[in-house]
């Protein structure tokens, strides 16, 4: 699927990360549930710890062990990624993966059916690596959390002419974020600032509301962390939704897409309602033939099948050509 700024449906990524905990069967279950929920893609991560970090790299406070140790224990081998990617083909959901090093990207291209790379916010400013990955020829989706516009500008300028189908995701790299920090109007700012990129949103809130808002603002890609059970401990547990919530997210996004037109017209379902909901000119007292219509004799009431209420002033001052009963619609044929 190639993204289109105007016409394509929002591309929905279920971010499985490493919350398979090294289990291929769990990863396959996540892929199947993502498919059944209606997501377009299930995404995992390919880590070669010694290629991407020093062993003593500090980690976030929500981690119970050093990130390096967690990855050594739980990260998939490229053979496991291959098995999961083949399964994704079998169930018709796009396998996606984030390479955390150039070597990881090479392995993914050589061993899996990966169609595009997703780059995390932590790698967004690593322009030397991004250029080498871009030279592999796949589309790239890049998250922009923790970055200034100057830094995003630099990455965009470095990649805009060499990446096929470049996408940038607005992102706040808080786990979970404070809602006041979300500043979702940046989705539209990025659309204007980066015209050669498709703009989406990577969401780390524990619920769905900001995803829906981002789609309403024009995000064409949304990414949300998923977990089989929200009670499971894991590196992304606090910002993950389960697959029931994912199905609700997909349903909401698709409904928002249907609702985002800008045509104002009277729709077929409205036409029947107009007949009773609008108001017409009515007699509020008996009017005799030959009487001049005074303001005290007429007003507007439902239904809207007679003289439109906006024409009340045109009725006043005319003369009745027949007797008109109280609480009846007045017709032009009764006036002269």
C-alpha atoms as a PDB file:
ATOM      1  CA  UNK A   1       0.000   0.000   0.000  1.00  0.00           C
ATOM      2  CA  UNK A   2       1.356   3.398  -1.012  1.00  0.00           C
ATOM      3  CA  UNK A   3      -0.016   6.316   0.957  1.00  0.00           C
ATOM      4  CA  UNK A   4      -1.936   9.123  -0.690  1.00  0.00           C
ATOM      5  CA  UNK A   5      -2.385  12.461   1.053  1.00  0.00           C
ATOM      6  CA  UNK A   6      -6.011  12.819   0.003  1.00  0.00           C
ATOM      7  CA  UNK A   7      -7.670   9.575  -0.955  1.00  0.00           C
ATOM      8  CA  UNK A   8      -6.274   6.518   0.821  1.00  0.00           C
ATOM      9  CA  UNK A   9      -7.710   5.284   4.083  1.00  0.00           C
ATOM     10  CA  UNK A  10      -5.753   5.977   7.242  1.00  0.00           C
ATOM     11  CA  UNK A  11      -3.066   3.301   7.599  1.00  0.00           C
ATOM     12  CA  UNK A  12      -3.352   1.737  11.056  1.00  0.00           C
ATOM     13  CA  UNK A  13      -0.259   0.168  12.614  1.00  0.00           C
ATOM     14  CA  UNK A  14      -0.538  -2.118  15.642  1.00  0.00           C
ATOM     15  CA  UNK A  15       2.847  -1.727  17.344  1.00  0.00           C
ATOM     16  CA  UNK A  16       3.712  -5.067  18.952  1.00  0.00           C
ATOM     17  CA  UNK A  17       7.255  -3.984  19.756  1.00  0.00           C
ATOM     18  CA  UNK A  18       8.968  -6.612  21.859  1.00  0.00           C
ATOM     19  CA  UNK A  19       5.871  -7.481  23.858  1.00  0.00           C
ATOM     20  CA  UNK A  20       6.022 -10.999  22.451  1.00  0.00           C
ATOM     21  CA  UNK A  21       8.767 -11.549  25.065  1.00  0.00           C
ATOM     22  CA  UNK A  22      10.741 -13.728  22.666  1.00  0.00           C
ATOM     23  CA  UNK A  23       7.820 -16.048  21.874  1.00  0.00           C
ATOM     24  CA  UNK A  24       6.997 -16.624  18.201  1.00  0.00           C
ATOM     25  CA  UNK A  25       3.607 -18.074  19.151  1.00  0.00           C
ATOM     26  CA  UNK A  26       2.761 -14.893  21.064  1.00  0.00           C
ATOM     27  CA  UNK A  27       3.863 -12.755  18.125  1.00  0.00           C
ATOM     28  CA  UNK A  28       1.665 -14.792  15.777  1.00  0.00           C
ATOM     29  CA  UNK A  29      -1.260 -14.406  18.163  1.00  0.00           C
ATOM     30  CA  UNK A  30      -0.696 -10.649  18.164  1.00  0.00           C
ATOM     31  CA  UNK A  31      -0.601 -10.628  14.368  1.00  0.00           C
ATOM     32  CA  UNK A  32      -3.834 -12.600  14.105  1.00  0.00           C
ATOM     33  CA  UNK A  33      -5.632 -10.431  16.634  1.00  0.00           C
ATOM     34  CA  UNK A  34      -4.415  -7.295  14.884  1.00  0.00           C
ATOM     35  CA  UNK A  35      -5.786  -8.692  11.620  1.00  0.00           C
ATOM     36  CA  UNK A  36      -9.144  -9.547  13.210  1.00  0.00           C
ATOM     37  CA  UNK A  37      -9.280  -6.066  14.750  1.00  0.00           C
ATOM     38  CA  UNK A  38      -8.982  -4.509  11.295  1.00  0.00           C
ATOM     39  CA  UNK A  39      -5.461  -3.066  11.537  1.00  0.00           C
ATOM     40  CA  UNK A  40      -3.459  -2.751   8.338  1.00  0.00           C
ATOM     41  CA  UNK A  41      -0.145  -3.804   9.849  1.00  0.00           C
ATOM     42  CA  UNK A  42       1.427  -5.476  12.860  1.00  0.00           C
ATOM     43  CA  UNK A  43       4.855  -4.074  13.692  1.00  0.00           C
ATOM     44  CA  UNK A  44       7.682  -5.571  15.675  1.00  0.00           C
ATOM     45  CA  UNK A  45      11.249  -4.478  16.397  1.00  0.00           C
ATOM     46  CA  UNK A  46      14.547  -5.982  15.299  1.00  0.00           C
ATOM     47  CA  UNK A  47      17.273  -5.408  17.835  1.00  0.00           C
ATOM     48  CA  UNK A  48      20.933  -6.312  17.595  1.00  0.00           C
ATOM     49  CA  UNK A  49      21.838  -4.896  21.017  1.00  0.00           C
ATOM     50  CA  UNK A  50      25.563  -4.570  20.425  1.00  0.00           C
ATOM     51  CA  UNK A  51      24.932  -2.703  17.154  1.00  0.00           C
ATOM     52  CA  UNK A  52      22.660  -0.082  18.722  1.00  0.00           C
ATOM     53  CA  UNK A  53      23.784   0.626  22.286  1.00  0.00           C
ATOM     54  CA  UNK A  54      26.453   0.351  24.916  1.00  0.00           C
ATOM     55  CA  UNK A  55      25.752  -2.165  27.658  1.00  0.00           C
ATOM     56  CA  UNK A  56      25.527   0.522  30.333  1.00  0.00           C
ATOM     57  CA  UNK A  57      23.063   2.736  28.434  1.00  0.00           C
ATOM     58  CA  UNK A  58      20.641   4.199  31.015  1.00  0.00           C
ATOM     59  CA  UNK A  59      16.977   3.215  30.708  1.00  0.00           C
ATOM     60  CA  UNK A  60      13.637   4.722  31.637  1.00  0.00           C
ATOM     61  CA  UNK A  61      12.255   4.417  35.150  1.00  0.00           C
ATOM     62  CA  UNK A  62       9.454   2.088  34.043  1.00  0.00           C
ATOM     63  CA  UNK A  63      11.953  -0.636  33.122  1.00  0.00           C
ATOM     64  CA  UNK A  64      12.643  -3.269  35.768  1.00  0.00           C
ATOM     65  CA  UNK A  65      15.983  -4.178  34.224  1.00  0.00           C
ATOM     66  CA  UNK A  66      18.517  -2.516  31.928  1.00  0.00           C
ATOM     67  CA  UNK A  67      17.205  -2.256  28.366  1.00  0.00           C
ATOM     68  CA  UNK A  68      20.300  -4.009  27.026  1.00  0.00           C
ATOM     69  CA  UNK A  69      19.643  -7.036  29.256  1.00  0.00           C
ATOM     70  CA  UNK A  70      15.939  -7.074  28.325  1.00  0.00           C
ATOM     71  CA  UNK A  71      16.765  -7.086  24.628  1.00  0.00           C
ATOM     72  CA  UNK A  72      19.396  -9.794  24.917  1.00  0.00           C
ATOM     73  CA  UNK A  73      16.805 -11.977  26.620  1.00  0.00           C
ATOM     74  CA  UNK A  74      13.691 -11.117  24.580  1.00  0.00           C
ATOM     75  CA  UNK A  75      14.616  -9.727  21.167  1.00  0.00           C
ATOM     76  CA  UNK A  76      13.785 -11.931  18.187  1.00  0.00           C
ATOM     77  CA  UNK A  77      16.483 -13.443  16.044  1.00  0.00           C
ATOM     78  CA  UNK A  78      16.183 -12.745  12.336  1.00  0.00           C
ATOM     79  CA  UNK A  79      14.993 -16.347  11.866  1.00  0.00           C
ATOM     80  CA  UNK A  80      12.112 -15.693  14.262  1.00  0.00           C
ATOM     81  CA  UNK A  81      11.254 -12.495  12.399  1.00  0.00           C
ATOM     82  CA  UNK A  82      11.214 -14.489   9.169  1.00  0.00           C
ATOM     83  CA  UNK A  83       8.782 -17.023  10.623  1.00  0.00           C
ATOM     84  CA  UNK A  84       6.447 -14.298  11.854  1.00  0.00           C
ATOM     85  CA  UNK A  85       6.620 -12.424   8.548  1.00  0.00           C
ATOM     86  CA  UNK A  86       5.662 -15.575   6.630  1.00  0.00           C
ATOM     87  CA  UNK A  87       2.707 -16.068   8.982  1.00  0.00           C
ATOM     88  CA  UNK A  88       1.624 -12.457   8.405  1.00  0.00           C
ATOM     89  CA  UNK A  89       1.571 -13.157   4.669  1.00  0.00           C
ATOM     90  CA  UNK A  90      -0.586 -16.221   5.281  1.00  0.00           C
ATOM     91  CA  UNK A  91      -3.219 -14.230   7.192  1.00  0.00           C
ATOM     92  CA  UNK A  92      -2.974 -11.149   4.926  1.00  0.00           C
ATOM     93  CA  UNK A  93      -1.705  -8.505   7.306  1.00  0.00           C
ATOM     94  CA  UNK A  94       1.371  -6.445   6.528  1.00  0.00           C
ATOM     95  CA  UNK A  95       4.415  -7.398   8.573  1.00  0.00           C
ATOM     96  CA  UNK A  96       6.325  -4.291   9.562  1.00  0.00           C
ATOM     97  CA  UNK A  97       9.444  -3.919  11.623  1.00  0.00           C
ATOM     98  CA  UNK A  98      11.692  -1.248  13.084  1.00  0.00           C
ATOM     99  CA  UNK A  99      15.409  -1.832  12.527  1.00  0.00           C
ATOM    100  CA  UNK A 100      17.464  -0.252  15.286  1.00  0.00           C
ATOM    101  CA  UNK A 101      20.650  -0.357  13.237  1.00  0.00           C
ATOM    102  CA  UNK A 102      21.739  -0.506   9.632  1.00  0.00           C
ATOM    103  CA  UNK A 103      22.774  -4.141  10.089  1.00  0.00           C
ATOM    104  CA  UNK A 104      19.291  -4.939  11.406  1.00  0.00           C
ATOM    105  CA  UNK A 105      17.779  -3.317   8.310  1.00  0.00           C
ATOM    106  CA  UNK A 106      20.000  -5.417   6.031  1.00  0.00           C
ATOM    107  CA  UNK A 107      18.926  -8.601   7.826  1.00  0.00           C
ATOM    108  CA  UNK A 108      15.246  -7.699   7.521  1.00  0.00           C
ATOM    109  CA  UNK A 109      15.536  -7.114   3.775  1.00  0.00           C
ATOM    110  CA  UNK A 110      17.487 -10.337   3.275  1.00  0.00           C
ATOM    111  CA  UNK A 111      15.324 -12.593   5.436  1.00  0.00           C
ATOM    112  CA  UNK A 112      11.754 -11.218   5.592  1.00  0.00           C
ATOM    113  CA  UNK A 113       9.065  -9.862   3.291  1.00  0.00           C
ATOM    114  CA  UNK A 114       9.284  -6.370   4.803  1.00  0.00           C
ATOM    115  CA  UNK A 115       7.707  -3.712   2.576  1.00  0.00           C
ATOM    116  CA  UNK A 116       8.664  -0.535   4.452  1.00  0.00           C
ATOM    117  CA  UNK A 117      10.797   0.491   7.411  1.00  0.00           C
ATOM    118  CA  UNK A 118       9.451   2.209  10.504  1.00  0.00           C
ATOM    119  CA  UNK A 119      12.088   4.285  12.273  1.00  0.00           C
ATOM    120  CA  UNK A 120      11.632   5.133  15.954  1.00  0.00           C
ATOM    121  CA  UNK A 121      11.991   8.590  17.446  1.00  0.00           C
ATOM    122  CA  UNK A 122      15.329   7.703  19.034  1.00  0.00           C
ATOM    123  CA  UNK A 123      16.855   7.186  15.602  1.00  0.00           C
ATOM    124  CA  UNK A 124      15.209  10.222  13.978  1.00  0.00           C
ATOM    125  CA  UNK A 125      18.344  12.372  14.262  1.00  0.00           C
ATOM    126  CA  UNK A 126      20.785   9.604  13.274  1.00  0.00           C
ATOM    127  CA  UNK A 127      21.036  10.936   9.746  1.00  0.00           C
ATOM    128  CA  UNK A 128      24.092   8.846   8.696  1.00  0.00           C
ATOM    129  CA  UNK A 129      22.232   5.616   9.516  1.00  0.00           C
ATOM    130  CA  UNK A 130      18.982   6.861   8.009  1.00  0.00           C
ATOM    131  CA  UNK A 131      20.672   7.688   4.715  1.00  0.00           C
ATOM    132  CA  UNK A 132      22.222   4.210   4.526  1.00  0.00           C
ATOM    133  CA  UNK A 133      18.847   2.608   5.322  1.00  0.00           C
ATOM    134  CA  UNK A 134      17.163   4.847   2.745  1.00  0.00           C
ATOM    135  CA  UNK A 135      19.591   3.596   0.118  1.00  0.00           C
ATOM    136  CA  UNK A 136      18.082   0.134   0.559  1.00  0.00           C
ATOM    137  CA  UNK A 137      15.126   1.434  -1.422  1.00  0.00           C
ATOM    138  CA  UNK A 138      12.104   0.873   0.808  1.00  0.00           C
ATOM    139  CA  UNK A 139       9.561   3.470   1.951  1.00  0.00           C
ATOM    140  CA  UNK A 140      10.262   4.881   5.416  1.00  0.00           C
ATOM    141  CA  UNK A 141       8.002   6.018   8.235  1.00  0.00           C
ATOM    142  CA  UNK A 142       9.857   8.088  10.840  1.00  0.00           C
ATOM    143  CA  UNK A 143       8.582   9.091  14.273  1.00  0.00           C
ATOM    144  CA  UNK A 144       9.568  12.549  15.517  1.00  0.00           C
ATOM    145  CA  UNK A 145       9.186  12.420  19.295  1.00  0.00           C
ATOM    146  CA  UNK A 146      11.714  14.275  21.498  1.00  0.00           C
ATOM    147  CA  UNK A 147      12.752  16.420  18.529  1.00  0.00           C
ATOM    148  CA  UNK A 148      12.710  20.088  17.667  1.00  0.00           C
ATOM    149  CA  UNK A 149      11.476  21.344  14.332  1.00  0.00           C
ATOM    150  CA  UNK A 150      15.045  22.249  13.449  1.00  0.00           C
ATOM    151  CA  UNK A 151      16.063  18.615  13.962  1.00  0.00           C
ATOM    152  CA  UNK A 152      13.068  17.331  11.966  1.00  0.00           C
ATOM    153  CA  UNK A 153      13.920  19.835   9.221  1.00  0.00           C
ATOM    154  CA  UNK A 154      17.436  18.401   8.992  1.00  0.00           C
ATOM    155  CA  UNK A 155      16.209  14.824   8.684  1.00  0.00           C
ATOM    156  CA  UNK A 156      13.508  15.794   6.187  1.00  0.00           C
ATOM    157  CA  UNK A 157      15.961  17.675   3.994  1.00  0.00           C
ATOM    158  CA  UNK A 158      18.399  14.751   4.091  1.00  0.00           C
ATOM    159  CA  UNK A 159      15.789  12.189   3.065  1.00  0.00           C
ATOM    160  CA  UNK A 160      13.016  13.879   1.090  1.00  0.00           C
ATOM    161  CA  UNK A 161      14.631  13.326  -2.296  1.00  0.00           C
ATOM    162  CA  UNK A 162      16.069   9.842  -1.706  1.00  0.00           C
ATOM    163  CA  UNK A 163      13.302   8.019   0.155  1.00  0.00           C
ATOM    164  CA  UNK A 164      10.451   6.506  -1.795  1.00  0.00           C
ATOM    165  CA  UNK A 165       7.232   7.434   0.055  1.00  0.00           C
ATOM    166  CA  UNK A 166       8.625   9.269   3.081  1.00  0.00           C
ATOM    167  CA  UNK A 167       6.259   9.572   6.053  1.00  0.00           C
ATOM    168  CA  UNK A 168       6.718  11.509   9.290  1.00  0.00           C
ATOM    169  CA  UNK A 169       4.734  10.736  12.440  1.00  0.00           C
ATOM    170  CA  UNK A 170       3.998  13.419  14.985  1.00  0.00           C
ATOM    171  CA  UNK A 171       4.846  11.878  18.332  1.00  0.00           C
ATOM    172  CA  UNK A 172       5.323  12.670  22.014  1.00  0.00           C
ATOM    173  CA  UNK A 173       7.844  10.288  23.567  1.00  0.00           C
ATOM    174  CA  UNK A 174       6.351  10.246  27.034  1.00  0.00           C
ATOM    175  CA  UNK A 175       5.185   6.908  28.407  1.00  0.00           C
ATOM    176  CA  UNK A 176       2.371   7.806  28.865  1.00  0.00           C
ATOM    177  CA  UNK A 177       2.215  11.499  27.935  1.00  0.00           C
ATOM    178  CA  UNK A 178       0.552  14.307  29.816  1.00  0.00           C
ATOM    179  CA  UNK A 179      -2.416  15.377  27.697  1.00  0.00           C
ATOM    180  CA  UNK A 180      -1.395  19.030  27.936  1.00  0.00           C
ATOM    181  CA  UNK A 181       1.851  18.038  26.207  1.00  0.00           C
ATOM    182  CA  UNK A 182       0.117  16.484  23.193  1.00  0.00           C
ATOM    183  CA  UNK A 183      -0.317  19.680  21.099  1.00  0.00           C
ATOM    184  CA  UNK A 184      -2.007  17.768  18.298  1.00  0.00           C
ATOM    185  CA  UNK A 185      -2.345  20.794  16.037  1.00  0.00           C
ATOM    186  CA  UNK A 186       1.250  20.003  15.092  1.00  0.00           C
ATOM    187  CA  UNK A 187      -0.205  17.387  12.750  1.00  0.00           C
ATOM    188  CA  UNK A 188      -1.428  20.216  10.548  1.00  0.00           C
ATOM    189  CA  UNK A 189       1.735  22.243  11.070  1.00  0.00           C
ATOM    190  CA  UNK A 190       3.791  19.302   9.819  1.00  0.00           C
ATOM    191  CA  UNK A 191       1.527  18.877   6.786  1.00  0.00           C
ATOM    192  CA  UNK A 192       2.359  22.430   5.755  1.00  0.00           C
ATOM    193  CA  UNK A 193       6.021  22.282   6.730  1.00  0.00           C
ATOM    194  CA  UNK A 194       6.862  18.944   5.060  1.00  0.00           C
ATOM    195  CA  UNK A 195       4.930  18.841   1.770  1.00  0.00           C
ATOM    196  CA  UNK A 196       6.879  15.886   0.346  1.00  0.00           C
ATOM    197  CA  UNK A 197       6.009  13.642   3.317  1.00  0.00           C
ATOM    198  CA  UNK A 198       2.839  11.900   4.421  1.00  0.00           C
ATOM    199  CA  UNK A 199       2.050  13.009   7.988  1.00  0.00           C
ATOM    200  CA  UNK A 200       0.705  10.666  10.635  1.00  0.00           C
ATOM    201  CA  UNK A 201       0.612  10.251  14.398  1.00  0.00           C
ATOM    202  CA  UNK A 202       2.288   7.793  16.753  1.00  0.00           C
ATOM    203  CA  UNK A 203       0.296   7.732  19.977  1.00  0.00           C
ATOM    204  CA  UNK A 204       1.472   6.800  23.474  1.00  0.00           C
ATOM    205  CA  UNK A 205      -1.617   7.674  25.485  1.00  0.00           C
ATOM    206  CA  UNK A 206      -3.342   4.773  27.292  1.00  0.00           C
ATOM    207  CA  UNK A 207      -6.668   5.389  25.502  1.00  0.00           C
ATOM    208  CA  UNK A 208      -8.030   6.260  22.058  1.00  0.00           C
ATOM    209  CA  UNK A 209      -9.135   9.882  22.149  1.00  0.00           C
ATOM    210  CA  UNK A 210      -6.026  11.575  20.810  1.00  0.00           C
ATOM    211  CA  UNK A 211      -5.830   9.075  17.940  1.00  0.00           C
ATOM    212  CA  UNK A 212      -9.318  10.072  16.859  1.00  0.00           C
ATOM    213  CA  UNK A 213      -8.400  13.751  17.148  1.00  0.00           C
ATOM    214  CA  UNK A 214      -5.249  13.259  15.062  1.00  0.00           C
ATOM    215  CA  UNK A 215      -7.256  11.544  12.317  1.00  0.00           C
ATOM    216  CA  UNK A 216      -9.767  14.401  12.339  1.00  0.00           C
ATOM    217  CA  UNK A 217      -6.822  16.786  11.913  1.00  0.00           C
ATOM    218  CA  UNK A 218      -5.658  14.889   8.845  1.00  0.00           C
ATOM    219  CA  UNK A 219      -3.217  12.214  10.043  1.00  0.00           C
ATOM    220  CA  UNK A 220      -2.947   9.550   7.324  1.00  0.00           C
ATOM    221  CA  UNK A 221      -1.084   7.000   9.459  1.00  0.00           C
ATOM    222  CA  UNK A 222      -1.705   6.109  13.100  1.00  0.00           C
ATOM    223  CA  UNK A 223       0.409   3.862  15.263  1.00  0.00           C
ATOM    224  CA  UNK A 224      -0.647   2.447  18.624  1.00  0.00           C
ATOM    225  CA  UNK A 225       1.156   0.037  20.965  1.00  0.00           C
ATOM    226  CA  UNK A 226      -0.690  -3.228  21.578  1.00  0.00           C
ATOM    227  CA  UNK A 227      -0.370  -5.984  24.160  1.00  0.00           C
ATOM    228  CA  UNK A 228      -2.179  -9.287  24.572  1.00  0.00           C
ATOM    229  CA  UNK A 229      -3.137  -8.513  28.165  1.00  0.00           C
ATOM    230  CA  UNK A 230      -2.844  -5.059  29.729  1.00  0.00           C
ATOM    231  CA  UNK A 231      -1.924  -6.723  33.035  1.00  0.00           C
ATOM    232  CA  UNK A 232       1.240  -8.194  31.519  1.00  0.00           C
ATOM    233  CA  UNK A 233       4.413  -6.376  32.560  1.00  0.00           C
ATOM    234  CA  UNK A 234       6.472  -5.110  29.668  1.00  0.00           C
ATOM    235  CA  UNK A 235       8.524  -2.190  28.371  1.00  0.00           C
ATOM    236  CA  UNK A 236       5.479  -0.568  26.730  1.00  0.00           C
ATOM    237  CA  UNK A 237       2.739  -1.851  29.022  1.00  0.00           C
ATOM    238  CA  UNK A 238       1.689   1.566  30.316  1.00  0.00           C
ATOM    239  CA  UNK A 239       1.083   2.931  26.820  1.00  0.00           C
ATOM    240  CA  UNK A 240      -0.440  -0.169  25.233  1.00  0.00           C
ATOM    241  CA  UNK A 241      -4.017  -1.055  24.427  1.00  0.00           C
ATOM    242  CA  UNK A 242      -5.386  -4.576  24.128  1.00  0.00           C
ATOM    243  CA  UNK A 243      -6.954  -5.957  20.988  1.00  0.00           C
ATOM    244  CA  UNK A 244     -10.520  -5.179  21.989  1.00  0.00           C
ATOM    245  CA  UNK A 245      -9.443  -1.537  22.262  1.00  0.00           C
ATOM    246  CA  UNK A 246      -7.657  -1.869  18.918  1.00  0.00           C
ATOM    247  CA  UNK A 247     -10.883  -3.003  17.260  1.00  0.00           C
ATOM    248  CA  UNK A 248     -12.605   0.037  18.778  1.00  0.00           C
ATOM    249  CA  UNK A 249      -9.811   2.252  17.478  1.00  0.00           C
ATOM    250  CA  UNK A 250     -10.131   0.868  13.952  1.00  0.00           C
ATOM    251  CA  UNK A 251     -13.908   1.212  14.025  1.00  0.00           C
ATOM    252  CA  UNK A 252     -13.659   4.803  15.233  1.00  0.00           C
ATOM    253  CA  UNK A 253     -11.034   5.787  12.667  1.00  0.00           C
ATOM    254  CA  UNK A 254     -13.069   4.340   9.801  1.00  0.00           C
ATOM    255  CA  UNK A 255     -16.191   6.180  10.945  1.00  0.00           C
ATOM    256  CA  UNK A 256     -14.259   9.441  11.260  1.00  0.00           C
ATOM    257  CA  UNK A 257     -12.944   8.957   7.714  1.00  0.00           C
ATOM    258  CA  UNK A 258     -16.497   8.573   6.410  1.00  0.00           C
ATOM    259  CA  UNK A 259     -17.513  11.731   8.257  1.00  0.00           C
ATOM    260  CA  UNK A 260     -14.700  13.992   7.039  1.00  0.00           C
ATOM    261  CA  UNK A 261     -16.233  15.330   3.821  1.00  0.00           C
ATOM    262  CA  UNK A 262     -16.780  19.071   3.278  1.00  0.00           C
ATOM    263  CA  UNK A 263     -19.862  19.059   1.037  1.00  0.00           C
ATOM    264  CA  UNK A 264     -22.915  20.899   2.428  1.00  0.00           C
ATOM    265  CA  UNK A 265     -26.146  19.757   0.802  1.00  0.00           C
ATOM    266  CA  UNK A 266     -29.576  18.396   1.677  1.00  0.00           C
ATOM    267  CA  UNK A 267     -29.078  14.642   1.942  1.00  0.00           C
ATOM    268  CA  UNK A 268     -31.744  12.103   1.047  1.00  0.00           C
ATOM    269  CA  UNK A 269     -32.317  11.140   4.686  1.00  0.00           C
ATOM    270  CA  UNK A 270     -32.822  14.810   5.560  1.00  0.00           C
ATOM    271  CA  UNK A 271     -35.514  15.442   2.958  1.00  0.00           C
ATOM    272  CA  UNK A 272     -38.235  13.565   4.832  1.00  0.00           C
ATOM    273  CA  UNK A 273     -37.319  15.315   8.082  1.00  0.00           C
ATOM    274  CA  UNK A 274     -37.497  18.743   6.426  1.00  0.00           C
ATOM    275  CA  UNK A 275     -41.178  18.189   5.748  1.00  0.00           C
ATOM    276  CA  UNK A 276     -42.091  18.174   9.425  1.00  0.00           C
ATOM    277  CA  UNK A 277     -39.136  19.880  11.107  1.00  0.00           C
ATOM    278  CA  UNK A 278     -39.232  23.173   9.199  1.00  0.00           C
ATOM    279  CA  UNK A 279     -41.966  25.761   9.764  1.00  0.00           C
ATOM    280  CA  UNK A 280     -44.642  27.271   7.518  1.00  0.00           C
ATOM    281  CA  UNK A 281     -46.989  30.247   7.750  1.00  0.00           C
ATOM    282  CA  UNK A 282     -50.255  29.321   9.557  1.00  0.00           C
ATOM    283  CA  UNK A 283     -53.399  31.145  10.599  1.00  0.00           C
ATOM    284  CA  UNK A 284     -53.560  31.622  14.369  1.00  0.00           C
ATOM    285  CA  UNK A 285     -57.208  32.787  14.200  1.00  0.00           C
ATOM    286  CA  UNK A 286     -60.069  32.363  11.769  1.00  0.00           C
ATOM    287  CA  UNK A 287     -59.652  34.651   8.747  1.00  0.00           C
ATOM    288  CA  UNK A 288     -62.672  35.594   6.672  1.00  0.00           C
ATOM    289  CA  UNK A 289     -62.740  35.888   2.904  1.00  0.00           C
ATOM    290  CA  UNK A 290     -61.795  39.419   1.865  1.00  0.00           C
ATOM    291  CA  UNK A 291     -59.960  40.284   5.103  1.00  0.00           C
ATOM    292  CA  UNK A 292     -56.579  41.896   4.956  1.00  0.00           C
ATOM    293  CA  UNK A 293     -53.956  39.681   6.610  1.00  0.00           C
ATOM    294  CA  UNK A 294     -52.676  41.384   9.754  1.00  0.00           C
ATOM    295  CA  UNK A 295     -49.598  40.434  11.746  1.00  0.00           C
ATOM    296  CA  UNK A 296     -51.869  39.316  14.615  1.00  0.00           C
ATOM    297  CA  UNK A 297     -53.570  36.728  12.367  1.00  0.00           C
ATOM    298  CA  UNK A 298     -50.576  34.656  11.323  1.00  0.00           C
ATOM    299  CA  UNK A 299     -47.426  33.044  12.671  1.00  0.00           C
ATOM    300  CA  UNK A 300     -45.157  30.098  11.887  1.00  0.00           C
ATOM    301  CA  UNK A 301     -45.588  26.481  12.954  1.00  0.00           C
ATOM    302  CA  UNK A 302     -44.657  23.014  11.804  1.00  0.00           C
ATOM    303  CA  UNK A 303     -44.816  21.288   9.317  1.00  0.00           C
ATOM    304  CA  UNK A 304     -42.709  22.848   6.594  1.00  0.00           C
ATOM    305  CA  UNK A 305     -44.938  21.920   3.665  1.00  0.00           C
ATOM    306  CA  UNK A 306     -46.669  25.290   3.210  1.00  0.00           C
ATOM    307  CA  UNK A 307     -45.450  28.842   2.659  1.00  0.00           C
ATOM    308  CA  UNK A 308     -41.920  28.922   4.133  1.00  0.00           C
ATOM    309  CA  UNK A 309     -41.655  30.792   7.438  1.00  0.00           C
ATOM    310  CA  UNK A 310     -39.069  33.136   5.907  1.00  0.00           C
ATOM    311  CA  UNK A 311     -41.880  34.513   3.690  1.00  0.00           C
ATOM    312  CA  UNK A 312     -44.139  35.514   6.596  1.00  0.00           C
ATOM    313  CA  UNK A 313     -43.628  39.190   5.769  1.00  0.00           C
ATOM    314  CA  UNK A 314     -44.865  38.599   2.231  1.00  0.00           C
ATOM    315  CA  UNK A 315     -48.182  37.232   3.552  1.00  0.00           C
ATOM    316  CA  UNK A 316     -48.942  40.213   5.771  1.00  0.00           C
ATOM    317  CA  UNK A 317     -50.924  42.866   3.851  1.00  0.00           C
ATOM    318  CA  UNK A 318     -52.434  40.475   1.330  1.00  0.00           C
ATOM    319  CA  UNK A 319     -56.174  39.671   1.240  1.00  0.00           C
ATOM    320  CA  UNK A 320     -57.830  36.324   1.793  1.00  0.00           C
ATOM    321  CA  UNK A 321     -59.650  34.931  -1.275  1.00  0.00           C
ATOM    322  CA  UNK A 322     -61.405  32.296   0.850  1.00  0.00           C
ATOM    323  CA  UNK A 323     -62.183  31.591   4.468  1.00  0.00           C
ATOM    324  CA  UNK A 324     -59.069  30.326   6.269  1.00  0.00           C
ATOM    325  CA  UNK A 325     -59.529  28.314   9.455  1.00  0.00           C
ATOM    326  CA  UNK A 326     -57.437  28.802  12.583  1.00  0.00           C
ATOM    327  CA  UNK A 327     -54.439  26.454  12.883  1.00  0.00           C
ATOM    328  CA  UNK A 328     -54.232  25.608   9.206  1.00  0.00           C
ATOM    329  CA  UNK A 329     -51.460  26.114   6.710  1.00  0.00           C
ATOM    330  CA  UNK A 330     -51.923  29.137   4.476  1.00  0.00           C
ATOM    331  CA  UNK A 331     -51.395  28.600   0.751  1.00  0.00           C
ATOM    332  CA  UNK A 332     -50.534  31.238  -1.830  1.00  0.00           C
ATOM    333  CA  UNK A 333     -53.715  30.312  -3.699  1.00  0.00           C
ATOM    334  CA  UNK A 334     -55.720  31.652  -0.717  1.00  0.00           C
ATOM    335  CA  UNK A 335     -54.200  35.106  -1.052  1.00  0.00           C
ATOM    336  CA  UNK A 336     -54.145  37.998  -3.458  1.00  0.00           C
END
